[in-house]
Amino acid sequence: MLVARKWTEADGLVVTGHEAAAHGAEVGTLVLIPSIARQTKLPIIAAGGFSDGRGLAAALVLGAEGISMGTPVHVDPGMRNAPEGERTFP
């Protein structure tokens, strides 16, 4: 069951799903957006699992006003053998 608290002074909500480093338990962001949007009139910023315009478009269609997008990280399989100090991400 999804629960949203009623905030009287909030300007918006950041809705975070499982894709955001598993902060949203087992519920995905794209499932949460319409569920929360039905419960509030506050603007929603969706977070978790977004890396391009297609994700933005999906979030907008589902009721978000925008997305929070972190830096996509490419992990090279050979990096597991590199010392921690030598690991770099593009």
N, C-alpha and C. Protein backbone atom coordinates (compact mmCIF):
# COMPACT_ATOMS: atom_id res chain seq x y z
N MET A 1 0.84 -1.18 0.00
CA MET A 1 0.00 0.00 0.00
C MET A 1 0.88 1.24 0.00
N LEU A 2 0.54 2.18 -0.84
CA LEU A 2 1.28 3.43 -0.91
C LEU A 2 0.63 4.45 0.01
N VAL A 3 1.45 5.16 0.72
CA VAL A 3 0.94 6.18 1.65
C VAL A 3 1.64 7.49 1.36
N ALA A 4 0.87 8.55 1.23
CA ALA A 4 1.44 9.88 1.04
C ALA A 4 0.96 10.77 2.17
N ARG A 5 1.89 11.44 2.81
CA ARG A 5 1.51 12.38 3.86
C ARG A 5 1.03 13.67 3.22
N LYS A 6 0.17 14.37 3.91
CA LYS A 6 -0.29 15.67 3.42
C LYS A 6 0.63 16.74 3.99
N TRP A 7 1.29 17.45 3.10
CA TRP A 7 2.18 18.53 3.49
C TRP A 7 1.51 19.84 3.12
N THR A 8 1.51 20.76 4.06
CA THR A 8 0.86 22.03 3.79
C THR A 8 1.82 23.08 3.25
N GLU A 9 3.12 22.91 3.49
CA GLU A 9 4.08 23.92 3.08
C GLU A 9 5.06 23.43 2.02
N ALA A 10 4.86 22.26 1.48
CA ALA A 10 5.78 21.73 0.47
C ALA A 10 5.50 22.38 -0.88
N ASP A 11 6.55 22.61 -1.64
CA ASP A 11 6.42 23.16 -2.98
C ASP A 11 6.28 22.05 -4.02
N GLY A 12 6.68 20.85 -3.67
CA GLY A 12 6.62 19.72 -4.59
C GLY A 12 7.09 18.46 -3.90
N LEU A 13 7.03 17.36 -4.62
CA LEU A 13 7.45 16.06 -4.09
C LEU A 13 8.47 15.42 -5.01
N VAL A 14 9.48 14.80 -4.44
CA VAL A 14 10.39 13.97 -5.21
C VAL A 14 9.97 12.54 -4.96
N VAL A 15 9.55 11.87 -6.03
CA VAL A 15 9.09 10.49 -5.94
C VAL A 15 10.23 9.59 -6.39
N THR A 16 10.71 8.75 -5.48
CA THR A 16 11.88 7.93 -5.73
C THR A 16 11.52 6.46 -5.72
N GLY A 17 11.81 5.78 -6.81
CA GLY A 17 11.53 4.35 -6.90
C GLY A 17 12.77 3.51 -6.69
N HIS A 18 12.59 2.22 -6.83
CA HIS A 18 13.64 1.22 -6.62
C HIS A 18 14.89 1.48 -7.46
N GLU A 19 14.70 2.04 -8.64
CA GLU A 19 15.83 2.24 -9.55
C GLU A 19 16.85 3.25 -9.01
N ALA A 20 16.47 4.03 -8.03
CA ALA A 20 17.39 5.02 -7.44
C ALA A 20 18.16 4.36 -6.30
N ALA A 21 19.10 3.50 -6.65
CA ALA A 21 19.93 2.80 -5.67
C ALA A 21 19.10 2.02 -4.65
N ALA A 22 17.97 1.51 -5.09
CA ALA A 22 17.08 0.68 -4.27
C ALA A 22 16.46 1.43 -3.09
N HIS A 23 16.37 2.76 -3.18
CA HIS A 23 15.76 3.54 -2.10
C HIS A 23 14.26 3.36 -2.04
N GLY A 24 13.63 2.92 -3.11
CA GLY A 24 12.18 2.80 -3.14
C GLY A 24 11.66 1.40 -2.88
N ALA A 25 12.42 0.60 -2.15
CA ALA A 25 12.06 -0.79 -1.86
C ALA A 25 11.85 -1.55 -3.16
N GLU A 26 10.73 -2.24 -3.30
CA GLU A 26 10.54 -3.04 -4.51
C GLU A 26 9.62 -2.37 -5.53
N VAL A 27 9.26 -1.14 -5.31
CA VAL A 27 8.35 -0.44 -6.21
C VAL A 27 9.14 0.47 -7.16
N GLY A 28 8.85 0.36 -8.44
CA GLY A 28 9.54 1.16 -9.44
C GLY A 28 8.98 2.57 -9.54
N THR A 29 9.81 3.48 -10.00
CA THR A 29 9.42 4.88 -10.12
C THR A 29 8.22 5.07 -11.03
N LEU A 30 8.18 4.37 -12.16
CA LEU A 30 7.09 4.55 -13.11
C LEU A 30 5.76 4.02 -12.56
N VAL A 31 5.81 3.17 -11.56
CA VAL A 31 4.59 2.72 -10.88
C VAL A 31 4.16 3.76 -9.85
N LEU A 32 5.14 4.35 -9.17
CA LEU A 32 4.84 5.33 -8.12
C LEU A 32 4.25 6.63 -8.64
N ILE A 33 4.73 7.10 -9.79
CA ILE A 33 4.31 8.42 -10.27
C ILE A 33 2.79 8.57 -10.34
N PRO A 34 2.07 7.73 -11.08
CA PRO A 34 0.62 7.93 -11.15
C PRO A 34 -0.08 7.69 -9.82
N SER A 35 0.47 6.78 -9.01
CA SER A 35 -0.15 6.52 -7.70
C SER A 35 -0.07 7.74 -6.80
N ILE A 36 1.07 8.40 -6.78
CA ILE A 36 1.23 9.61 -5.97
C ILE A 36 0.50 10.79 -6.60
N ALA A 37 0.54 10.90 -7.92
CA ALA A 37 -0.12 12.02 -8.61
C ALA A 37 -1.62 12.04 -8.32
N ARG A 38 -2.22 10.88 -8.14
CA ARG A 38 -3.66 10.82 -7.83
C ARG A 38 -3.94 11.34 -6.42
N GLN A 39 -2.92 11.37 -5.57
CA GLN A 39 -3.13 11.73 -4.17
C GLN A 39 -2.74 13.17 -3.83
N THR A 40 -2.18 13.90 -4.79
CA THR A 40 -1.72 15.25 -4.49
C THR A 40 -1.85 16.15 -5.71
N LYS A 41 -1.88 17.43 -5.46
CA LYS A 41 -1.85 18.41 -6.54
C LYS A 41 -0.46 19.06 -6.64
N LEU A 42 0.44 18.68 -5.75
CA LEU A 42 1.80 19.21 -5.77
C LEU A 42 2.56 18.70 -7.00
N PRO A 43 3.47 19.49 -7.53
CA PRO A 43 4.30 19.02 -8.64
C PRO A 43 5.17 17.86 -8.19
N ILE A 44 5.35 16.90 -9.07
CA ILE A 44 6.15 15.71 -8.78
C ILE A 44 7.41 15.73 -9.63
N ILE A 45 8.54 15.51 -8.98
CA ILE A 45 9.81 15.28 -9.66
C ILE A 45 10.12 13.80 -9.46
N ALA A 46 10.22 13.07 -10.54
CA ALA A 46 10.47 11.63 -10.47
C ALA A 46 11.97 11.37 -10.43
N ALA A 47 12.38 10.41 -9.60
CA ALA A 47 13.81 10.08 -9.48
C ALA A 47 13.99 8.57 -9.50
N GLY A 48 15.02 8.14 -10.20
CA GLY A 48 15.35 6.73 -10.21
C GLY A 48 15.16 6.08 -11.56
N GLY A 49 16.26 5.74 -12.20
CA GLY A 49 16.21 5.00 -13.44
C GLY A 49 16.11 5.83 -14.70
N PHE A 50 16.26 7.12 -14.61
CA PHE A 50 16.14 7.98 -15.78
C PHE A 50 17.52 8.32 -16.34
N SER A 51 17.66 8.15 -17.66
CA SER A 51 18.96 8.45 -18.27
C SER A 51 18.86 9.10 -19.63
N ASP A 52 17.62 9.34 -20.10
CA ASP A 52 17.48 9.97 -21.42
C ASP A 52 16.09 10.59 -21.56
N GLY A 53 15.85 11.15 -22.74
CA GLY A 53 14.58 11.82 -23.01
C GLY A 53 13.39 10.89 -23.01
N ARG A 54 13.60 9.63 -23.34
CA ARG A 54 12.48 8.67 -23.32
C ARG A 54 11.95 8.48 -21.91
N GLY A 55 12.85 8.43 -20.95
CA GLY A 55 12.43 8.31 -19.56
C GLY A 55 11.70 9.56 -19.10
N LEU A 56 12.21 10.73 -19.51
CA LEU A 56 11.53 11.99 -19.20
C LEU A 56 10.13 11.98 -19.78
N ALA A 57 10.00 11.58 -21.04
CA ALA A 57 8.68 11.55 -21.69
C ALA A 57 7.72 10.63 -20.95
N ALA A 58 8.21 9.46 -20.54
CA ALA A 58 7.36 8.52 -19.81
C ALA A 58 6.90 9.12 -18.48
N ALA A 59 7.83 9.76 -17.76
CA ALA A 59 7.47 10.36 -16.47
C ALA A 59 6.45 11.47 -16.64
N LEU A 60 6.61 12.29 -17.68
CA LEU A 60 5.66 13.38 -17.93
C LEU A 60 4.27 12.84 -18.24
N VAL A 61 4.21 11.80 -19.06
CA VAL A 61 2.92 11.20 -19.42
C VAL A 61 2.22 10.63 -18.18
N LEU A 62 3.00 10.12 -17.24
CA LEU A 62 2.43 9.50 -16.04
C LEU A 62 2.07 10.50 -14.95
N GLY A 63 2.43 11.78 -15.14
CA GLY A 63 2.00 12.79 -14.17
C GLY A 63 3.09 13.57 -13.49
N ALA A 64 4.36 13.31 -13.80
CA ALA A 64 5.44 14.08 -13.19
C ALA A 64 5.61 15.40 -13.93
N GLU A 65 6.18 16.37 -13.24
CA GLU A 65 6.50 17.66 -13.86
C GLU A 65 7.91 17.66 -14.42
N GLY A 66 8.72 16.72 -13.96
CA GLY A 66 10.10 16.63 -14.42
C GLY A 66 10.76 15.43 -13.78
N ILE A 67 12.06 15.27 -14.04
CA ILE A 67 12.81 14.16 -13.46
C ILE A 67 14.10 14.66 -12.82
N SER A 68 14.61 13.88 -11.91
CA SER A 68 15.94 14.08 -11.35
C SER A 68 16.79 12.97 -11.95
N MET A 69 17.81 13.37 -12.71
CA MET A 69 18.61 12.38 -13.42
C MET A 69 20.04 12.43 -12.93
N GLY A 70 20.52 11.32 -12.39
CA GLY A 70 21.91 11.24 -11.95
C GLY A 70 22.81 10.97 -13.14
N THR A 71 24.08 10.88 -12.88
CA THR A 71 25.05 10.62 -13.93
C THR A 71 25.06 9.13 -14.26
N PRO A 72 24.78 8.78 -15.51
CA PRO A 72 24.88 7.36 -15.88
C PRO A 72 26.34 6.91 -15.75
N VAL A 73 26.55 5.75 -15.19
CA VAL A 73 27.89 5.24 -14.98
C VAL A 73 28.09 3.98 -15.81
N HIS A 74 29.16 3.97 -16.58
CA HIS A 74 29.53 2.78 -17.35
C HIS A 74 30.63 2.06 -16.59
N VAL A 75 30.39 0.82 -16.25
CA VAL A 75 31.39 0.05 -15.53
C VAL A 75 32.01 -0.95 -16.50
N ASP A 76 33.31 -0.85 -16.65
CA ASP A 76 34.06 -1.76 -17.51
C ASP A 76 34.33 -3.05 -16.73
N PRO A 77 34.05 -4.23 -17.33
CA PRO A 77 34.29 -5.49 -16.62
C PRO A 77 35.73 -5.63 -16.11
N GLY A 78 36.70 -5.04 -16.79
CA GLY A 78 38.08 -5.13 -16.35
C GLY A 78 38.38 -4.32 -15.11
N MET A 79 37.47 -3.44 -14.72
CA MET A 79 37.71 -2.57 -13.57
C MET A 79 37.72 -3.32 -12.26
N ARG A 80 37.12 -4.49 -12.19
CA ARG A 80 37.07 -5.21 -10.91
C ARG A 80 38.47 -5.61 -10.44
N ASN A 81 39.43 -5.66 -11.37
CA ASN A 81 40.79 -6.01 -11.01
C ASN A 81 41.67 -4.79 -10.72
N ALA A 82 41.15 -3.61 -10.96
CA ALA A 82 41.94 -2.39 -10.74
C ALA A 82 41.89 -2.00 -9.27
N PRO A 83 43.02 -1.49 -8.76
CA PRO A 83 42.99 -0.97 -7.38
C PRO A 83 41.95 0.14 -7.27
N GLU A 84 41.37 0.29 -6.12
CA GLU A 84 40.29 1.25 -5.89
C GLU A 84 40.69 2.66 -6.34
N GLY A 85 41.90 3.06 -6.09
CA GLY A 85 42.34 4.41 -6.45
C GLY A 85 42.43 4.64 -7.95
N GLU A 86 42.49 3.58 -8.73
CA GLU A 86 42.61 3.72 -10.18
C GLU A 86 41.27 3.69 -10.90
N ARG A 87 40.21 3.47 -10.19
CA ARG A 87 38.90 3.40 -10.82
C ARG A 87 38.42 4.79 -11.19
N THR A 88 38.08 4.94 -12.43
CA THR A 88 37.54 6.22 -12.88
C THR A 88 36.29 5.96 -13.69
N PHE A 89 35.39 6.89 -13.67
CA PHE A 89 34.14 6.77 -14.40
C PHE A 89 34.03 7.95 -15.35
N PRO A 90 33.55 7.70 -16.57
CA PRO A 90 33.39 8.80 -17.53
C PRO A 90 32.31 9.76 -17.10
